[in-house]
Amino acid sequence: MGLPLFFLLRGNVPTSAAAFLMVIIMLPWFLFAMYEKHGMPLEQFLRCIIAVKFKRPKIRMYQTNNQYTAIGRQIQLYKEVGRIVSVSKKDFRR
């Protein structure tokens, strides 16, 4: 892409300007071919950046499953059911 552009522009603009435009036009393709970060090519790296910045929510809720709290709730439920059952047995005996 850069060489045909250089040869087309060389007659109309100064050679240094044509070379500069050629470099500017060829730079994205060079980056996609040569750039690598964290073992990922540029297109994968850009996809990750776009996902983090624009697609995913900014604040992610961190929730844990606290086993001790779950056991405490289960014990409270057992006590409540025991009270209900004992009250119903008393009413049934009368």
N, C-alpha and C. Protein backbone atom coordinates (compact mmCIF):
# COMPACT_ATOMS: atom_id res chain seq x y z
N MET A 1 0.82 -1.19 0.00
CA MET A 1 0.00 0.00 0.00
C MET A 1 0.87 1.26 0.00
N GLY A 2 1.98 1.20 0.68
CA GLY A 2 2.80 2.40 0.81
C GLY A 2 3.58 2.73 -0.45
N LEU A 3 4.14 1.72 -1.13
CA LEU A 3 4.95 2.00 -2.31
C LEU A 3 4.14 2.60 -3.46
N PRO A 4 2.97 2.05 -3.81
CA PRO A 4 2.20 2.70 -4.87
C PRO A 4 1.83 4.14 -4.52
N LEU A 5 1.49 4.37 -3.25
CA LEU A 5 1.16 5.73 -2.82
C LEU A 5 2.38 6.64 -2.97
N PHE A 6 3.55 6.14 -2.60
CA PHE A 6 4.77 6.94 -2.74
C PHE A 6 5.02 7.31 -4.19
N PHE A 7 4.91 6.34 -5.09
CA PHE A 7 5.17 6.62 -6.51
C PHE A 7 4.12 7.54 -7.12
N LEU A 8 2.87 7.44 -6.64
CA LEU A 8 1.84 8.34 -7.15
C LEU A 8 2.03 9.77 -6.64
N LEU A 9 2.46 9.93 -5.41
CA LEU A 9 2.61 11.26 -4.82
C LEU A 9 3.95 11.91 -5.13
N ARG A 10 4.95 11.14 -5.51
CA ARG A 10 6.30 11.66 -5.69
C ARG A 10 6.37 12.78 -6.72
N GLY A 11 5.60 12.71 -7.76
CA GLY A 11 5.62 13.76 -8.78
C GLY A 11 4.90 15.03 -8.37
N ASN A 12 3.90 14.92 -7.49
CA ASN A 12 3.07 16.07 -7.13
C ASN A 12 3.53 16.79 -5.86
N VAL A 13 4.15 16.07 -4.94
CA VAL A 13 4.60 16.66 -3.68
C VAL A 13 6.09 16.36 -3.53
N PRO A 14 6.78 17.07 -2.65
CA PRO A 14 8.20 16.77 -2.45
C PRO A 14 8.42 15.33 -2.01
N THR A 15 9.59 14.80 -2.30
CA THR A 15 9.90 13.41 -2.02
C THR A 15 9.84 13.12 -0.52
N SER A 16 10.30 14.03 0.31
CA SER A 16 10.26 13.79 1.75
C SER A 16 8.82 13.71 2.26
N ALA A 17 7.94 14.53 1.73
CA ALA A 17 6.53 14.48 2.13
C ALA A 17 5.89 13.18 1.64
N ALA A 18 6.22 12.75 0.43
CA ALA A 18 5.68 11.49 -0.09
C ALA A 18 6.17 10.32 0.77
N ALA A 19 7.46 10.36 1.18
CA ALA A 19 7.99 9.30 2.03
C ALA A 19 7.31 9.31 3.40
N PHE A 20 7.08 10.49 3.94
CA PHE A 20 6.40 10.60 5.24
C PHE A 20 4.98 10.05 5.16
N LEU A 21 4.24 10.37 4.13
CA LEU A 21 2.89 9.83 3.95
C LEU A 21 2.92 8.31 3.77
N MET A 22 3.95 7.81 3.07
CA MET A 22 4.07 6.38 2.88
C MET A 22 4.27 5.69 4.24
N VAL A 23 5.11 6.27 5.08
CA VAL A 23 5.35 5.68 6.40
C VAL A 23 4.07 5.72 7.23
N ILE A 24 3.36 6.83 7.20
CA ILE A 24 2.11 6.96 7.97
C ILE A 24 1.08 5.92 7.51
N ILE A 25 0.97 5.70 6.20
CA ILE A 25 0.00 4.75 5.68
C ILE A 25 0.41 3.31 6.02
N MET A 26 1.71 3.02 6.02
CA MET A 26 2.18 1.65 6.26
C MET A 26 2.28 1.31 7.75
N LEU A 27 2.27 2.27 8.64
CA LEU A 27 2.47 2.04 10.06
C LEU A 27 1.46 1.09 10.70
N PRO A 28 0.15 1.22 10.45
CA PRO A 28 -0.79 0.28 11.09
C PRO A 28 -0.52 -1.17 10.68
N TRP A 29 -0.23 -1.43 9.43
CA TRP A 29 0.04 -2.80 8.99
C TRP A 29 1.33 -3.32 9.62
N PHE A 30 2.31 -2.47 9.75
CA PHE A 30 3.55 -2.87 10.39
C PHE A 30 3.30 -3.22 11.86
N LEU A 31 2.49 -2.42 12.54
CA LEU A 31 2.20 -2.70 13.94
C LEU A 31 1.43 -4.01 14.11
N PHE A 32 0.45 -4.25 13.23
CA PHE A 32 -0.31 -5.49 13.32
C PHE A 32 0.58 -6.70 13.04
N ALA A 33 1.61 -6.53 12.21
CA ALA A 33 2.50 -7.65 11.88
C ALA A 33 3.56 -7.87 12.96
N MET A 34 4.09 -6.83 13.57
CA MET A 34 5.27 -6.95 14.42
C MET A 34 5.01 -6.79 15.91
N TYR A 35 4.00 -6.05 16.30
CA TYR A 35 3.80 -5.72 17.72
C TYR A 35 3.25 -6.92 18.47
N GLU A 36 3.77 -7.16 19.67
CA GLU A 36 3.27 -8.22 20.51
C GLU A 36 3.45 -7.82 21.97
N LYS A 37 2.39 -7.98 22.76
CA LYS A 37 2.46 -7.64 24.18
C LYS A 37 1.84 -8.78 24.97
N HIS A 38 2.52 -9.22 26.00
CA HIS A 38 2.07 -10.33 26.85
C HIS A 38 1.76 -11.58 26.03
N GLY A 39 2.51 -11.80 24.96
CA GLY A 39 2.31 -12.98 24.13
C GLY A 39 1.12 -12.91 23.20
N MET A 40 0.49 -11.75 23.10
CA MET A 40 -0.68 -11.60 22.23
C MET A 40 -0.35 -10.67 21.08
N PRO A 41 -0.81 -10.99 19.87
CA PRO A 41 -0.66 -10.02 18.79
C PRO A 41 -1.52 -8.79 19.03
N LEU A 42 -1.28 -7.76 18.25
CA LEU A 42 -1.94 -6.48 18.48
C LEU A 42 -3.46 -6.58 18.42
N GLU A 43 -4.00 -7.36 17.48
CA GLU A 43 -5.46 -7.41 17.36
C GLU A 43 -6.09 -8.03 18.60
N GLN A 44 -5.49 -9.05 19.18
CA GLN A 44 -6.03 -9.63 20.42
C GLN A 44 -5.87 -8.66 21.59
N PHE A 45 -4.74 -7.99 21.64
CA PHE A 45 -4.50 -7.02 22.71
C PHE A 45 -5.52 -5.88 22.64
N LEU A 46 -5.78 -5.37 21.43
CA LEU A 46 -6.78 -4.31 21.26
C LEU A 46 -8.18 -4.80 21.61
N ARG A 47 -8.48 -6.06 21.28
CA ARG A 47 -9.79 -6.63 21.61
C ARG A 47 -9.96 -6.68 23.13
N CYS A 48 -8.92 -7.05 23.86
CA CYS A 48 -8.99 -7.09 25.33
C CYS A 48 -9.17 -5.69 25.91
N ILE A 49 -8.45 -4.71 25.37
CA ILE A 49 -8.58 -3.33 25.86
C ILE A 49 -9.98 -2.80 25.61
N ILE A 50 -10.53 -3.04 24.43
CA ILE A 50 -11.88 -2.57 24.11
C ILE A 50 -12.90 -3.24 25.02
N ALA A 51 -12.72 -4.53 25.29
CA ALA A 51 -13.66 -5.23 26.18
C ALA A 51 -13.62 -4.65 27.59
N VAL A 52 -12.42 -4.36 28.09
CA VAL A 52 -12.29 -3.84 29.45
C VAL A 52 -12.83 -2.42 29.55
N LYS A 53 -12.50 -1.58 28.58
CA LYS A 53 -12.87 -0.16 28.67
C LYS A 53 -14.33 0.11 28.31
N PHE A 54 -14.89 -0.64 27.36
CA PHE A 54 -16.20 -0.25 26.83
C PHE A 54 -17.29 -1.30 27.02
N LYS A 55 -16.98 -2.58 26.96
CA LYS A 55 -18.02 -3.60 26.97
C LYS A 55 -18.39 -4.08 28.37
N ARG A 56 -17.42 -4.30 29.22
CA ARG A 56 -17.69 -4.83 30.55
C ARG A 56 -18.10 -3.72 31.50
N PRO A 57 -18.84 -4.06 32.55
CA PRO A 57 -19.22 -3.03 33.52
C PRO A 57 -17.99 -2.51 34.26
N LYS A 58 -18.05 -1.26 34.65
CA LYS A 58 -16.92 -0.62 35.33
C LYS A 58 -16.72 -1.18 36.74
N ILE A 59 -17.81 -1.43 37.45
CA ILE A 59 -17.72 -1.93 38.81
C ILE A 59 -18.26 -3.36 38.81
N ARG A 60 -17.40 -4.29 39.19
CA ARG A 60 -17.82 -5.68 39.29
C ARG A 60 -17.96 -6.03 40.76
N MET A 61 -19.08 -6.59 41.11
CA MET A 61 -19.36 -6.93 42.49
C MET A 61 -18.62 -8.22 42.85
N TYR A 62 -17.92 -8.17 43.97
CA TYR A 62 -17.21 -9.35 44.46
C TYR A 62 -18.04 -9.93 45.59
N GLN A 63 -18.53 -11.12 45.38
CA GLN A 63 -19.38 -11.75 46.38
C GLN A 63 -18.74 -13.06 46.81
N THR A 64 -18.75 -13.30 48.09
CA THR A 64 -18.22 -14.55 48.61
C THR A 64 -19.35 -15.36 49.22
N ASN A 65 -19.12 -16.62 49.33
CA ASN A 65 -20.07 -17.51 50.00
C ASN A 65 -19.44 -17.88 51.34
N ASN A 66 -19.78 -17.13 52.37
CA ASN A 66 -19.21 -17.34 53.69
C ASN A 66 -19.89 -18.55 54.33
N GLN A 67 -19.13 -19.61 54.53
CA GLN A 67 -19.69 -20.85 55.06
C GLN A 67 -20.19 -20.69 56.49
N TYR A 68 -19.48 -19.89 57.28
CA TYR A 68 -19.89 -19.71 58.68
C TYR A 68 -21.24 -18.99 58.77
N THR A 69 -21.45 -18.00 57.92
CA THR A 69 -22.74 -17.31 57.92
C THR A 69 -23.85 -18.25 57.46
N ALA A 70 -23.56 -19.07 56.46
CA ALA A 70 -24.57 -20.02 55.98
C ALA A 70 -24.92 -21.03 57.07
N ILE A 71 -23.92 -21.50 57.81
CA ILE A 71 -24.19 -22.45 58.89
C ILE A 71 -25.01 -21.77 60.00
N GLY A 72 -24.68 -20.50 60.31
CA GLY A 72 -25.45 -19.76 61.31
C GLY A 72 -26.91 -19.59 60.91
N ARG A 73 -27.15 -19.28 59.64
CA ARG A 73 -28.54 -19.16 59.16
C ARG A 73 -29.26 -20.50 59.25
N GLN A 74 -28.55 -21.58 58.91
CA GLN A 74 -29.17 -22.90 58.96
C GLN A 74 -29.53 -23.27 60.40
N ILE A 75 -28.68 -22.94 61.35
CA ILE A 75 -28.97 -23.21 62.76
C ILE A 75 -30.19 -22.42 63.21
N GLN A 76 -30.28 -21.14 62.80
CA GLN A 76 -31.46 -20.33 63.15
C GLN A 76 -32.73 -20.93 62.56
N LEU A 77 -32.64 -21.43 61.33
CA LEU A 77 -33.82 -22.06 60.71
C LEU A 77 -34.23 -23.32 61.46
N TYR A 78 -33.25 -24.13 61.87
CA TYR A 78 -33.58 -25.33 62.64
C TYR A 78 -34.25 -24.97 63.96
N LYS A 79 -33.77 -23.95 64.65
CA LYS A 79 -34.38 -23.51 65.91
C LYS A 79 -35.81 -23.04 65.68
N GLU A 80 -36.01 -22.26 64.62
CA GLU A 80 -37.35 -21.76 64.33
C GLU A 80 -38.30 -22.91 64.01
N VAL A 81 -37.84 -23.85 63.21
CA VAL A 81 -38.68 -25.00 62.88
C VAL A 81 -38.96 -25.81 64.14
N GLY A 82 -37.96 -25.95 65.02
CA GLY A 82 -38.17 -26.68 66.29
C GLY A 82 -39.21 -26.01 67.15
N ARG A 83 -39.19 -24.67 67.22
CA ARG A 83 -40.21 -23.95 68.00
C ARG A 83 -41.59 -24.14 67.39
N ILE A 84 -41.68 -24.07 66.10
CA ILE A 84 -42.99 -24.24 65.44
C ILE A 84 -43.52 -25.65 65.69
N VAL A 85 -42.64 -26.64 65.58
CA VAL A 85 -43.07 -28.02 65.77
C VAL A 85 -43.49 -28.25 67.23
N SER A 86 -42.73 -27.69 68.19
CA SER A 86 -43.08 -27.89 69.61
C SER A 86 -44.40 -27.22 69.94
N VAL A 87 -44.67 -26.05 69.37
CA VAL A 87 -45.95 -25.36 69.60
C VAL A 87 -47.09 -26.16 68.98
N SER A 88 -46.88 -26.71 67.81
CA SER A 88 -47.95 -27.46 67.17
C SER A 88 -48.20 -28.79 67.91
N LYS A 89 -47.16 -29.39 68.50
CA LYS A 89 -47.36 -30.62 69.29
C LYS A 89 -48.16 -30.32 70.55
N LYS A 90 -47.88 -29.18 71.18
CA LYS A 90 -48.63 -28.80 72.38
C LYS A 90 -50.10 -28.56 72.05
N ASP A 91 -50.36 -27.88 70.93
CA ASP A 91 -51.72 -27.64 70.52
C ASP A 91 -52.42 -28.94 70.12
N PHE A 92 -51.68 -29.87 69.59
CA PHE A 92 -52.26 -31.15 69.14
C PHE A 92 -52.63 -32.01 70.34
N ARG A 93 -51.86 -31.94 71.43
CA ARG A 93 -52.10 -32.76 72.62
C ARG A 93 -53.34 -32.26 73.37
N ARG A 94 -53.64 -31.01 73.31
CA ARG A 94 -54.79 -30.48 74.05
C ARG A 94 -56.05 -30.90 73.45
